Protein backbone atom coordinates (compact mmCIF):
# COMPACT_ATOMS: atom_id res chain seq x y z
CA MET A 1 67.60 117.38 109.41
CA LYS A 2 64.90 114.76 109.45
CA GLU A 3 65.16 111.74 111.69
CA LEU A 4 66.36 108.62 109.89
CA ARG A 5 64.75 105.43 111.09
CA PRO A 6 66.44 102.08 110.27
CA LYS A 7 63.12 100.56 109.18
CA ASP A 8 62.16 103.47 106.94
CA THR A 9 61.81 102.10 103.40
CA ASN A 10 60.63 105.29 101.70
CA PRO A 11 62.99 105.54 98.68
CA TYR A 12 62.49 109.32 98.52
CA ASN A 13 63.65 109.94 102.08
CA THR A 14 67.28 110.98 102.26
CA GLY A 15 66.87 112.62 105.66
CA TYR A 16 68.29 115.89 104.34
CA ASP A 17 66.24 119.00 104.96
CA GLY A 18 68.58 121.79 103.95
CA ILE A 19 71.00 124.30 105.51
CA TYR A 20 69.76 127.16 107.63
CA SER A 21 71.56 130.24 108.86
CA SER A 22 71.08 130.18 112.62
CA LYS A 23 72.27 132.22 115.57
CA ASP A 24 74.35 129.26 116.71
CA SER A 25 76.24 129.09 113.42
CA MET A 26 76.81 132.84 113.28
CA LYS A 27 77.54 133.77 116.89
CA ASN A 28 81.28 133.07 116.74
CA ILE A 29 81.84 134.96 113.50
CA ASP A 30 82.98 138.55 113.73
CA PHE A 31 81.84 140.07 110.45
CA SER A 32 83.21 143.41 111.64
CA ASN A 33 86.64 142.09 110.64
CA PHE A 34 85.65 143.09 107.14
CA ALA A 35 85.96 146.78 106.53
CA GLU A 36 83.48 148.16 104.03
CA ASN A 37 86.23 148.83 101.52
CA LYS A 38 87.97 145.46 101.97
CA LEU A 39 87.52 142.91 99.22
CA SER A 40 86.72 139.40 100.40
CA LEU A 41 87.15 136.43 98.10
CA ASN A 42 85.17 133.32 99.02
CA VAL A 43 86.79 129.87 98.84
CA LEU A 44 85.17 126.69 97.53
CA LEU A 45 87.27 123.51 97.78
CA ILE A 46 85.76 120.51 95.98
CA GLY A 47 87.83 117.34 96.44
CA ILE A 48 87.39 113.86 95.01
CA ASP A 49 89.46 110.92 96.24
CA SER A 50 92.02 109.00 94.15
CA VAL A 51 91.64 110.73 90.77
CA SER A 52 94.77 111.53 88.80
CA ARG A 53 94.82 114.40 86.33
CA LEU A 54 94.77 111.97 83.42
CA ASN A 55 92.01 109.84 84.91
CA PHE A 56 89.96 112.98 85.46
CA ILE A 57 90.26 113.61 81.72
CA ARG A 58 89.16 110.03 80.98
CA GLN A 59 86.41 109.66 83.56
CA MET A 60 84.92 113.14 84.03
CA PRO A 61 85.00 114.88 80.63
CA LEU A 62 81.78 116.85 81.25
CA THR A 63 83.00 118.38 84.49
CA ARG A 64 86.43 119.10 83.05
CA GLN A 65 85.01 120.75 79.94
CA PHE A 66 82.78 122.95 82.07
CA LEU A 67 85.72 124.05 84.20
CA LEU A 68 87.95 124.80 81.21
CA SER A 69 85.17 126.60 79.33
CA HIS A 70 84.84 128.96 82.28
CA GLY A 71 88.58 129.66 82.33
CA ALA A 72 89.85 127.24 84.96
CA ILE A 73 93.61 126.81 85.26
CA GLU A 74 94.76 123.17 85.02
CA MET A 75 97.85 122.52 87.14
CA LEU A 76 99.85 120.11 84.98
CA GLY A 77 102.71 119.71 87.46
CA TYR A 78 100.72 119.24 90.67
CA ASN A 79 102.64 116.56 92.62
CA LYS A 80 101.46 114.79 95.77
CA VAL A 81 103.71 114.74 98.86
CA GLY A 82 102.44 111.69 100.77
CA ASP A 83 100.93 108.26 100.29
CA ASN A 84 97.19 108.49 100.86
CA THR A 85 94.59 111.15 101.60
CA PHE A 86 95.61 112.26 105.08
CA PRO A 87 99.33 113.06 104.50
CA ASN A 88 98.36 115.04 101.40
CA ILE A 89 95.48 116.95 102.98
CA ILE A 90 97.45 117.95 106.10
CA PRO A 91 99.98 120.03 104.05
CA PHE A 92 97.01 121.42 102.09
CA LEU A 93 95.27 122.60 105.27
CA THR A 94 98.19 123.35 107.63
CA GLY A 95 101.24 123.98 105.43
CA LYS A 96 103.16 121.27 107.28
CA TYR A 97 104.03 117.63 106.85
CA LEU A 98 102.09 115.29 109.12
CA GLU A 99 105.24 114.46 111.09
CA GLU A 100 105.82 118.18 111.70
CA LEU A 101 102.61 118.43 113.72
CA PRO A 102 102.98 118.12 117.51
CA GLU A 103 102.04 114.69 118.85
CA SER A 104 101.42 113.41 115.34
CA LYS A 105 102.01 109.84 116.54
CA LYS A 106 99.14 110.08 119.02
CA LEU A 107 96.34 110.88 116.59
CA GLU A 108 94.39 107.78 117.59
CA ARG A 109 94.03 109.26 121.09
CA GLU A 110 94.41 113.00 120.53
CA PRO A 111 91.67 115.16 118.96
CA PHE A 112 92.46 117.52 116.10
CA ASP A 113 90.83 120.54 117.73
CA LYS A 114 94.17 122.07 118.79
CA TYR A 115 95.74 122.01 115.33
CA ASP A 116 96.00 125.20 113.31
CA ILE A 117 93.85 124.25 110.32
CA ILE A 118 93.36 126.88 107.62
CA TRP A 119 89.60 127.20 108.18
CA LYS A 120 90.35 128.64 111.64
CA HIS A 121 92.18 131.51 109.96
CA TYR A 122 89.14 132.17 107.78
CA ASN A 123 86.74 131.93 110.71
CA LYS A 124 88.79 134.48 112.68
CA SER A 125 88.73 136.75 109.64
CA GLY A 126 84.94 136.77 109.53
CA TYR A 127 84.20 133.89 107.16
CA VAL A 128 81.44 131.33 107.64
CA THR A 129 83.04 127.87 107.35
CA MET A 130 81.83 124.45 106.25
CA PHE A 131 83.38 120.97 106.09
CA ALA A 132 81.57 118.09 104.39
CA GLU A 133 82.58 114.49 103.66
CA ASP A 134 80.58 111.51 102.46
CA SER A 135 82.56 108.78 104.20
CA THR A 136 82.30 108.16 107.95
CA SER A 137 84.67 105.32 108.86
CA GLY A 138 87.06 106.42 106.10
CA ALA A 139 86.82 110.14 106.82
CA MET A 140 90.19 111.87 106.69
CA PHE A 141 90.23 112.93 110.36
CA ASN A 142 88.43 109.82 111.66
CA TYR A 143 89.95 106.78 109.95
CA LEU A 144 91.88 105.14 112.83
CA LYS A 145 92.06 108.61 114.41
CA TYR A 146 90.24 110.45 117.17
CA GLY A 147 88.60 113.10 115.02
CA PHE A 148 87.28 116.32 116.55
CA LYS A 149 85.85 116.81 120.03
CA LYS A 150 83.99 119.94 119.01
CA GLN A 151 82.39 120.77 115.69
CA PRO A 152 85.36 122.06 113.65
CA THR A 153 83.47 124.41 111.33
CA ASP A 154 80.25 126.43 111.46
CA HIS A 155 78.54 123.78 109.33
CA TYR A 156 79.65 120.14 109.54
CA LEU A 157 78.09 117.24 107.62
CA ARG A 158 79.43 114.36 109.72
CA PRO A 159 76.39 113.99 112.05
CA PHE A 160 74.15 113.55 109.00
CA ALA A 161 76.63 111.12 107.43
CA LEU A 162 76.61 109.02 110.61
CA ALA A 163 72.81 109.01 110.61
CA ARG A 164 72.78 107.82 106.99
CA GLU A 165 75.03 104.90 107.88
CA LYS A 166 72.45 103.63 110.38
CA ALA A 167 69.59 103.73 107.87
CA LYS A 168 70.76 100.58 106.09
CA SER A 169 67.44 99.92 104.34
CA LEU A 170 67.83 103.14 102.33
CA TRP A 171 71.12 102.13 100.73
CA SER A 172 71.16 100.44 97.32
CA ASN A 173 73.27 99.84 94.21
CA ASN A 174 76.32 98.60 96.15
CA ASN A 175 75.93 101.52 98.55
CA PHE A 176 76.37 104.13 95.82
CA CYS A 177 72.80 105.33 96.26
CA PHE A 178 70.96 106.52 99.35
CA GLY A 179 67.21 106.79 98.99
CA ASN A 180 66.58 107.91 95.44
CA ARG A 181 69.90 109.75 94.97
CA MET A 182 73.56 109.02 94.45
CA GLU A 183 75.51 109.75 97.61
CA PRO A 184 77.73 112.42 95.95
CA ALA A 185 74.56 114.24 94.85
CA ILE A 186 73.46 114.55 98.49
CA VAL A 187 76.82 115.95 99.61
CA LEU A 188 76.94 118.35 96.68
CA GLN A 189 73.36 119.46 97.42
CA TYR A 190 74.46 120.25 100.97
CA THR A 191 77.35 122.28 99.56
CA HIS A 192 75.07 124.08 97.11
CA ASP A 193 72.63 124.98 99.88
CA PHE A 194 75.50 126.39 101.93
CA LEU A 195 76.53 128.59 98.99
CA ARG A 196 72.94 129.75 98.53
CA VAL A 197 72.31 130.56 102.20
CA TYR A 198 75.59 132.47 102.59
CA LYS A 199 75.84 134.04 99.16
CA ASP A 200 75.99 137.51 100.73
CA LYS A 201 78.52 136.55 103.41
CA PRO A 202 82.21 135.67 103.12
CA TYR A 203 82.59 131.89 103.29
CA PHE A 204 85.13 129.07 103.21
CA THR A 205 83.86 125.60 102.32
CA PHE A 206 85.67 122.28 101.99
CA THR A 207 83.81 119.34 100.44
CA PHE A 208 85.54 115.99 99.95
CA ILE A 209 83.89 112.92 98.39
CA THR A 210 85.62 109.57 98.78
CA ARG A 211 83.55 106.48 98.22
CA ILE A 212 82.63 106.79 94.56
CA SER A 213 86.24 106.80 93.33
CA HIS A 214 88.45 105.37 96.09
CA ASP A 215 88.38 101.67 95.18
CA ASP A 216 87.99 101.68 91.40
CA MET A 217 89.56 104.16 88.99
CA ASN A 218 86.74 103.55 86.51
CA MET A 219 83.97 104.52 88.94
CA ALA A 220 84.68 108.26 89.10
CA GLY A 221 82.76 108.68 85.85
CA ARG A 222 79.54 107.77 87.63
CA GLY A 223 79.69 111.09 89.39
CA ASP A 224 80.56 113.20 86.34
CA PHE A 225 77.01 114.40 85.71
CA GLU A 226 76.40 115.13 89.41
CA TYR A 227 79.47 117.37 89.61
CA LEU A 228 78.50 119.04 86.34
CA ARG A 229 74.98 119.65 87.60
CA PHE A 230 76.30 121.13 90.85
CA LEU A 231 78.64 123.49 89.00
CA LYS A 232 76.03 124.53 86.42
CA LYS A 233 73.42 125.22 89.07
CA SER A 234 75.85 127.19 91.22
CA PHE A 235 77.01 129.30 88.28
CA ASN A 236 73.52 129.83 86.85
CA GLN A 237 72.30 131.06 90.23
CA ASN A 238 75.27 133.44 90.48
CA LEU A 239 76.48 131.80 93.68
CA LEU A 240 80.14 131.84 92.63
CA ASN A 241 80.44 135.43 91.42
CA ASN A 242 82.80 136.23 94.28
CA THR A 243 84.34 132.77 94.78
CA ILE A 244 87.60 131.09 93.83
CA LEU A 245 87.04 127.39 93.15
CA PHE A 246 89.63 124.66 93.70
CA PHE A 247 88.54 121.37 92.10
CA PHE A 248 91.11 118.76 93.04
CA SER A 249 92.11 115.28 94.12
CA ASP A 250 94.57 114.07 96.74
CA HIS A 251 96.37 111.45 94.59
CA GLY A 252 95.72 108.94 91.83
CA ILE A 253 94.67 105.32 92.26
CA ARG A 254 97.05 103.57 94.67
CA PHE A 255 96.27 99.90 94.15
CA GLY A 256 95.58 97.38 91.42
CA LEU A 257 96.91 96.24 88.06
CA PHE A 258 97.09 99.75 86.60
CA ARG A 259 99.15 101.00 89.55
CA LYS A 260 101.80 98.36 88.77
CA THR A 261 102.51 100.00 85.39
CA TYR A 262 104.90 102.88 84.71
CA VAL A 263 102.02 105.21 83.81
CA GLY A 264 100.11 104.04 86.88
CA ARG A 265 103.02 105.02 89.11
CA LEU A 266 103.09 108.50 87.60
CA GLU A 267 99.33 108.95 87.79
CA GLU A 268 99.31 107.97 91.46
CA ARG A 269 101.66 110.88 92.14
CA LEU A 270 99.98 113.47 89.87
CA PRO A 271 96.43 114.22 91.04
CA ALA A 272 93.95 116.56 89.39
CA MET A 273 94.00 120.23 90.37
CA TYR A 274 91.95 122.99 88.70
CA ILE A 275 91.68 126.56 89.95
CA LEU A 276 88.92 128.90 88.80
CA PRO A 277 88.74 132.50 90.08
CA PRO A 278 85.65 134.62 89.36
CA ASP A 279 85.48 136.45 86.03
CA TRP A 280 86.30 139.86 87.46
CA PHE A 281 89.49 138.55 89.07
CA ARG A 282 91.55 138.54 85.86
CA ASP A 283 90.79 142.22 85.18
CA LYS A 284 91.22 143.48 88.73
CA PHE A 285 94.33 141.41 89.46
CA PRO A 286 96.08 140.85 86.10
CA THR A 287 99.44 140.01 87.69
CA LEU A 288 97.94 137.36 89.96
CA TRP A 289 95.99 135.92 87.04
CA ASN A 290 99.04 135.82 84.78
CA ASN A 291 101.08 134.11 87.49
CA LEU A 292 98.37 131.48 87.88
CA LYS A 293 98.49 130.81 84.14
CA VAL A 294 102.29 130.59 84.11
CA ASN A 295 102.24 128.16 87.03
CA THR A 296 100.13 125.65 85.14
CA HIS A 297 103.43 124.31 83.73
CA ARG A 298 105.40 124.52 87.00
CA LEU A 299 106.05 121.99 89.75
CA THR A 300 103.46 122.56 92.49
CA THR A 301 102.36 120.81 95.68
CA PRO A 302 99.70 120.90 98.43
CA PHE A 303 102.07 123.18 100.37
CA ASP A 304 101.61 125.79 97.64
CA ILE A 305 97.83 125.50 97.87
CA TYR A 306 98.06 126.29 101.58
CA GLU A 307 100.14 129.38 100.85
CA THR A 308 97.63 130.41 98.18
CA LEU A 309 94.76 130.06 100.66
CA GLN A 310 96.68 132.29 103.07
CA ASP A 311 97.10 134.90 100.34
CA ILE A 312 93.36 134.89 99.60
CA LEU A 313 92.65 136.10 103.15
CA ASP A 314 93.94 139.54 102.12
CA ILE A 315 93.86 139.49 98.35
CA ASP A 316 94.45 143.25 98.00
CA LYS A 317 97.69 143.05 99.97
CA THR A 318 98.67 139.96 97.97
CA ALA A 319 98.17 141.88 94.74
CA GLU A 320 100.29 144.76 96.00
CA ARG A 321 103.06 142.44 97.14
CA SER A 322 103.04 140.53 93.85
CA LYS A 323 104.22 143.56 91.92
CA SER A 324 107.76 142.84 93.06
CA ASN A 325 107.29 139.08 92.55
CA GLU A 326 110.32 138.46 94.74
CA ILE A 327 110.79 134.82 95.75
CA ASP A 328 112.78 133.63 98.74
CA TYR A 329 114.96 131.12 96.92
CA LYS A 330 116.21 129.75 100.24
CA ASN A 331 112.70 128.59 101.12
CA LEU A 332 110.86 127.12 98.15
CA LYS A 333 108.75 124.70 100.20
CA ARG A 334 105.63 126.88 100.07
CA ILE A 335 105.03 129.33 97.24
CA SER A 336 101.66 130.91 96.62
CA LEU A 337 100.33 130.21 93.15
CA PHE A 338 99.77 133.96 92.87
CA ARG A 339 103.57 134.28 92.61
CA GLU A 340 105.47 132.99 89.60
CA ILE A 341 107.05 129.69 90.62
CA PRO A 342 110.63 129.26 89.35
CA LEU A 343 110.89 127.26 86.15
CA ASN A 344 113.80 125.25 87.56
CA ARG A 345 112.14 124.38 90.87
CA SER A 346 113.21 120.87 91.86
CA CYS A 347 111.56 118.26 94.06
CA GLU A 348 114.31 118.84 96.62
CA ALA A 349 113.58 122.57 96.70
CA ALA A 350 109.82 121.94 96.92
CA HIS A 351 110.34 119.42 99.76
CA ILE A 352 108.89 116.55 97.74
CA LYS A 353 110.51 113.37 98.99
CA PRO A 354 112.32 111.40 96.27
CA HIS A 355 109.86 108.50 96.52
CA TRP A 356 107.03 110.75 95.33
CA CYS A 357 108.99 112.90 92.89
CA THR A 358 107.94 112.58 89.24
CA CYS A 359 110.88 114.62 87.96
CA HIS A 360 113.59 112.05 88.69
CA LEU A 361 114.71 109.64 86.00
CA PHE A 362 115.30 105.94 86.68
CA ASN A 363 116.96 103.20 84.63
CA PRO A 364 116.42 99.44 85.05
CA VAL A 365 119.01 97.47 87.00
CA ALA A 366 119.52 93.70 87.25
CA LEU A 367 117.39 92.01 89.90
CA ASN A 368 120.34 89.87 91.02
CA ASP A 369 122.62 92.88 91.53
CA SER A 370 124.17 92.62 94.98
CA ILE A 371 123.19 96.17 95.97
CA VAL A 372 119.61 95.58 94.79
CA ILE A 373 119.41 92.49 97.00
CA ASN A 374 120.81 94.41 99.98
CA VAL A 375 118.42 97.32 99.39
CA THR A 376 115.47 94.92 99.21
CA ASN A 377 116.48 93.20 102.44
CA TYR A 378 116.75 96.64 104.03
CA LEU A 379 113.13 97.36 103.01
CA VAL A 380 111.86 94.06 104.43
CA ASN A 381 113.70 94.69 107.70
CA TYR A 382 112.38 98.24 107.80
CA ILE A 383 108.79 97.01 107.63
CA ASN A 384 109.43 94.38 110.29
CA ASN A 385 110.96 97.00 112.56
CA MET A 386 107.88 99.19 112.09
CA THR A 387 105.58 96.38 113.21
CA SER A 388 107.89 95.07 115.95
CA ASN A 389 105.88 96.69 118.74
CA SER A 390 102.87 94.79 117.42
CA SER A 391 104.74 91.52 116.87
CA LYS A 392 102.20 89.57 118.93
CA VAL A 393 99.54 90.24 116.30
CA CYS A 394 101.61 91.05 113.17
CA ALA A 395 103.51 88.30 111.35
CA ARG A 396 107.16 88.83 110.49
CA LEU A 397 107.43 89.36 106.73
CA LYS A 398 109.88 87.53 104.48
CA LEU A 399 110.99 88.33 100.96
CA GLN A 400 109.26 86.24 98.30
CA GLU A 401 110.44 87.96 95.11
CA ILE A 402 112.03 91.12 93.75
CA LYS A 403 109.64 92.26 91.04
CA ASN A 404 111.45 95.31 89.71
CA ALA A 405 114.58 97.37 90.41
CA GLU A 406 115.68 100.75 89.09
CA ILE A 407 118.49 103.18 89.79
CA SER A 408 118.17 106.96 89.61
CA VAL A 409 119.81 109.16 87.03
CA MET A 410 120.56 112.61 88.40
CA ASN A 411 119.63 115.37 86.00
CA ASP A 412 121.47 118.67 85.64
CA GLN A 413 118.91 120.66 87.66
CA VAL A 414 119.19 118.36 90.67
CA LEU A 415 122.99 118.38 90.52
CA SER A 416 122.90 122.17 90.29
CA TYR A 417 120.68 122.37 93.36
CA LEU A 418 122.85 119.95 95.36
CA GLY A 419 126.05 121.68 94.35
CA LYS A 420 129.23 120.44 92.74
CA GLY A 421 131.21 117.55 94.08
CA VAL A 422 131.51 113.82 93.82
CA GLN A 423 128.18 112.05 94.21
CA THR A 424 128.60 109.37 96.86
CA TYR A 425 125.11 107.89 96.74
CA LYS A 426 122.60 106.28 94.40
CA ASP A 427 118.84 106.07 94.77
CA TYR A 428 117.23 102.68 94.15
CA ARG A 429 113.53 102.07 93.59
CA ILE A 430 112.43 98.53 94.35
CA ILE A 431 109.16 96.64 93.95
CA MET A 432 109.08 93.48 96.04
CA GLN A 433 106.59 90.83 97.12
CA THR A 434 106.57 89.43 100.64
CA LEU A 435 105.21 86.43 102.51
CA PRO A 436 102.95 85.39 104.12
CA ASP A 437 100.74 88.29 103.03
CA GLU A 438 101.74 88.35 99.33
CA GLY A 439 102.04 92.07 99.86
CA LEU A 440 103.41 94.13 96.99
CA PHE A 441 105.57 97.00 98.21
CA GLU A 442 107.45 99.81 96.49
CA GLY A 443 110.23 101.72 98.21
CA THR A 444 112.92 104.23 97.31
CA VAL A 445 116.21 103.83 99.18
CA ARG A 446 119.40 105.89 99.08
CA TYR A 447 122.59 103.84 99.12
CA TYR A 448 125.75 105.62 100.29
CA SER A 449 128.72 103.95 98.64
CA ASP A 450 131.34 105.52 100.92
CA ASN A 451 130.04 103.80 104.07
CA GLU A 452 127.60 101.24 102.57
CA GLN A 453 124.65 102.65 104.52
CA PHE A 454 120.99 102.83 103.47
CA SER A 455 118.33 105.47 104.02
CA LEU A 456 114.61 105.26 103.21
CA LEU A 457 113.42 108.21 101.10
CA GLY A 458 109.81 108.79 102.07
CA GLU A 459 107.33 106.03 102.79
CA ILE A 460 107.09 102.45 101.57
CA SER A 461 104.07 102.17 99.28
CA ARG A 462 101.68 99.23 99.42
CA ILE A 463 100.54 98.82 95.80
CA ASN A 464 98.15 95.89 96.16
CA ARG A 465 95.12 95.79 98.42
CA TYR A 466 95.51 94.57 101.97
CA GLY A 467 91.77 94.31 102.66
CA HIS A 468 91.12 92.67 106.04
CA GLN A 469 94.71 91.43 106.49
CA SER A 470 95.60 94.13 109.01
CA GLU A 471 92.41 94.66 111.01
CA CYS A 472 94.16 93.57 114.22
CA VAL A 473 96.05 96.90 114.37
CA HIS A 474 94.49 100.33 114.81
CA ASP A 475 97.45 102.46 113.77
CA PHE A 476 96.62 104.15 110.45
CA ILE A 477 100.28 103.95 109.37
CA LEU A 478 100.77 100.26 110.21
CA ARG A 479 97.58 99.15 108.46
CA LYS A 480 99.31 98.72 105.10
CA TYR A 481 102.28 96.81 106.56
CA CYS A 482 100.84 94.42 109.17
CA TYR A 483 99.70 90.90 108.32
CA CYS A 484 97.66 89.68 111.25
CA ASN A 485 98.56 86.32 112.72
CA LYS A 486 95.68 83.89 112.31
């Protein structure tokens, strides 16, 4: 890569000089793991932050049409399992919830090198690996976290991204452009060059672009042509002939006026997910292809993507195993999309916490209902307890107003999963505003009528922007709850 100088005003200098296959990037890869008769399927993960399935249709019609015209499978029931990027990407890459990882509460001080991320499995199996993000301070493993001590993949874009940040004179158009190019175009060019250099080697690549779409749901469309151009160029140059493409988002928009609506709540929980195997895949593996098509209408999660990525490591064995299509109905948390997912799969079975579940039905309930008031007070106290260890810098929140209250209606599938018996609890979903931060929070709480106890179901969502209100804390979880004392 070229050196980026802060005073360099050349608008055509982006500092990027291409990807090269070097001894350093290849020395740790044992290509002998691939027998001559073993089929390897490359993996290309292209992620874009905060784009729901419906907003992808609205904002990126060119990219979507290209994907569908080439036979991509659109996952209509793809449901997120956490609040923001990190708790949705961790299940995607590790098959576990964030809190299931060892020392997950020490991520500000502990590097991620020791965690069993899926690209390690591919690297050990003889794949060249790549990880590329546009954002630096907001990068998924670096935002209020330690990051990696050692380069996590064979090719890693972060050093270049950090260098770009220092070259402030080259940024323009509200920091959407660097030099003479949009930032997503630079990251996608890096990805394309990786595909070109390693077209004859097995590879696993993960590209995630944040800044263009994170803060404004109407900005994703600015990148539509760049994504289309990347896909067209890669297909026209036959770089994806042996590659399965996952084009996806982590969640929908999480803040703002739209998020306060009923549709906005659903879109936040239902991100875009498209899966496109190579053309030959459907003929060689008809059962796997048919299962993928069936699963477009099934409830799916990032846990299932992880299981699918595991299956790709030995696709021949996966195809052989799929002939029985047996599902362990006692463990429905992770099901490969190459297996037919049960039609009656529930959020409970899929380990989607009730707060994020889009299958549950809710009816309005009076704001002055005594249980609603008690549930709301429970939520306020819960937040204050979370920030209690930082009480010297975080203000104690008080309830300003209950904005909305709903009570769950259990459907027949859920009752069937839970078993027969008298239901002794109700789930309440509350939207409340607090002082002094004027924070808008949404929480789902289970109320047990037999002992009048409460239990939080998942996280408490912050659905308006907190901006600089919480800069006094460096815990990535507390950032959305703390209001710094002035």
